[in-house]
Protein backbone atom coordinates (compact mmCIF):
# COMPACT_ATOMS: atom_id res chain seq x y z
CA MET A 1 45.12 40.25 -165.30
CA LEU A 2 42.67 42.82 -166.14
CA PRO A 3 39.46 42.89 -163.92
CA THR A 4 37.22 43.60 -167.24
CA LYS A 5 37.18 42.07 -170.66
CA ILE A 6 36.04 42.66 -174.08
CA ALA A 7 34.75 40.26 -176.68
CA LEU A 8 33.43 40.67 -180.15
CA VAL A 9 30.82 38.36 -181.21
CA LEU A 10 29.99 38.26 -185.15
CA ARG A 11 27.35 36.12 -186.61
CA ALA A 12 28.98 33.11 -187.94
CA ASP A 13 27.90 33.45 -191.65
CA LEU A 14 29.10 36.89 -192.52
CA PRO A 15 31.42 36.98 -195.36
CA PRO A 16 34.61 38.63 -194.52
CA ASN A 17 33.89 42.25 -195.83
CA LEU A 18 30.74 42.53 -193.72
CA ALA A 19 32.47 40.81 -190.44
CA ALA A 20 35.28 43.69 -190.95
CA ASN A 21 32.62 46.25 -191.35
CA ALA A 22 30.87 44.88 -188.25
CA ALA A 23 34.08 44.71 -186.11
CA VAL A 24 34.92 48.71 -186.95
CA VAL A 25 31.50 49.80 -186.34
CA LEU A 26 31.30 48.15 -182.99
CA GLY A 27 34.93 49.00 -181.95
CA LEU A 28 34.34 52.72 -182.81
CA SER A 29 31.04 52.70 -180.90
CA LEU A 30 32.33 50.69 -177.72
CA GLY A 31 35.73 52.54 -177.71
CA ALA A 32 34.03 56.12 -177.67
CA ARG A 33 32.18 54.72 -174.34
CA LEU A 34 35.18 53.45 -172.88
CA PRO A 35 38.04 55.94 -173.50
CA HIS A 36 39.71 54.83 -170.48
CA ILE A 37 40.71 51.38 -171.96
CA LEU A 38 43.37 53.21 -174.17
CA GLY A 39 46.96 52.66 -173.19
CA ASP A 40 49.44 55.59 -173.75
CA ASP A 41 50.60 56.80 -177.34
CA ALA A 42 54.07 55.02 -177.84
CA LYS A 43 57.28 55.65 -180.06
CA ASP A 44 59.15 53.03 -182.21
CA ALA A 45 62.78 52.94 -182.35
CA ASP A 46 62.81 55.26 -185.27
CA GLY A 47 60.76 58.08 -183.18
CA THR A 48 57.40 57.69 -185.00
CA THR A 49 54.67 58.20 -182.74
CA HIS A 50 51.91 55.31 -182.51
CA LEU A 51 48.51 56.50 -181.27
CA ALA A 52 47.34 54.48 -178.40
CA ILE A 53 45.71 51.31 -178.86
CA THR A 54 43.35 49.36 -176.21
CA ASP A 55 45.15 47.62 -173.43
CA HIS A 56 42.65 44.91 -173.43
CA PRO A 57 42.87 41.74 -175.71
CA VAL A 58 39.86 41.49 -178.06
CA PRO A 59 38.76 38.03 -178.92
CA VAL A 60 36.77 37.79 -182.03
CA LEU A 61 34.17 35.00 -181.73
CA THR A 62 31.19 33.92 -183.60
CA ALA A 63 27.65 32.78 -182.94
CA ASP A 64 24.16 32.51 -184.80
CA ALA A 65 21.74 35.53 -184.53
CA ALA A 66 19.70 33.99 -181.92
CA HIS A 67 22.78 33.70 -179.64
CA LEU A 68 23.87 37.23 -180.77
CA LYS A 69 20.21 38.64 -179.65
CA ALA A 70 20.73 36.74 -176.29
CA LEU A 71 24.11 38.24 -175.68
CA HIS A 72 22.82 41.59 -176.49
CA ARG A 73 20.22 41.44 -173.96
CA ALA A 74 22.50 39.95 -171.32
CA GLU A 75 22.88 41.64 -167.74
CA GLY A 76 25.79 42.79 -165.98
CA VAL A 77 27.65 43.88 -169.21
CA THR A 78 27.65 46.96 -171.75
CA ALA A 79 26.49 45.47 -174.95
CA VAL A 80 26.75 47.23 -178.17
CA GLY A 81 24.68 45.64 -181.10
CA PHE A 82 24.92 45.96 -184.71
CA THR A 83 21.88 44.76 -186.56
CA GLU A 84 20.79 44.15 -190.00
CA VAL A 85 18.85 47.11 -190.05
CA ALA A 86 21.96 49.26 -189.26
CA ARG A 87 23.97 47.42 -191.75
CA ARG A 88 21.64 48.03 -194.60
CA ALA A 89 21.34 51.81 -193.69
CA ARG A 90 23.06 54.36 -195.84
CA ALA A 91 22.45 57.25 -193.37
CA TYR A 92 22.03 57.47 -189.54
CA ASP A 93 18.77 59.28 -189.72
CA ALA A 94 17.37 56.50 -192.03
CA TYR A 95 18.89 53.80 -189.59
CA LEU A 96 17.00 55.61 -186.66
CA GLU A 97 13.77 55.71 -188.62
CA ASP A 98 13.95 51.98 -189.84
CA LEU A 99 14.84 50.68 -186.38
CA SER A 100 11.88 52.51 -184.80
CA THR A 101 9.60 50.40 -186.96
CA THR A 102 11.48 47.08 -186.56
CA SER A 103 10.08 44.91 -183.66
CA ASP A 104 12.59 42.09 -183.92
CA PRO A 105 15.95 43.23 -185.48
CA GLU A 106 18.31 40.34 -186.53
CA PHE A 107 21.80 40.96 -185.20
CA VAL A 108 24.97 41.01 -187.08
CA ALA A 109 27.41 41.28 -184.37
CA VAL A 110 27.73 42.17 -180.69
CA ALA A 111 30.61 43.90 -178.69
CA LEU A 112 30.64 43.11 -174.85
CA TYR A 113 32.47 44.81 -172.29
CA GLY A 114 32.16 44.17 -168.43
CA PRO A 115 33.64 42.01 -165.57
CA ARG A 116 35.90 39.49 -166.69
CA ALA A 117 33.82 36.63 -165.08
CA VAL A 118 30.71 37.72 -166.66
CA VAL A 119 32.06 38.14 -170.20
CA THR A 120 33.78 34.81 -169.94
CA LYS A 121 30.89 33.11 -168.80
CA LEU A 122 28.66 34.60 -171.59
CA THR A 123 31.39 33.90 -174.34
CA ARG A 124 33.56 30.78 -173.10
CA LYS A 125 31.84 28.14 -175.47
CA LEU A 126 31.85 30.24 -178.34
CA PRO A 127 34.16 29.37 -181.31
């Protein structure tokens, strides 16, 4: 069993296209911070190379916006948040500017990485 765990928690009311978008953004963001979680490249029986994917299972869970905010502030884990401010932005500079003037952004999703016991305690009751 791996000593660390990843969990992706999406806001429960997201339509499928926005949930997929949030998952991709957070996967890229968390993955860039954790290059050591990739396995090795592999080849199939035909010799086609398949680039490495994470060696960690990634459960996808749901929660309401308030719970997402609490997860984002949790101690002992790396938490990458995706907010409504980020979701609505069409350019990164605009996101940074809008976020700097938003005091309490609503979360769309949060990706967590950390010790297995800590991530499990934070997410065990989530559907």
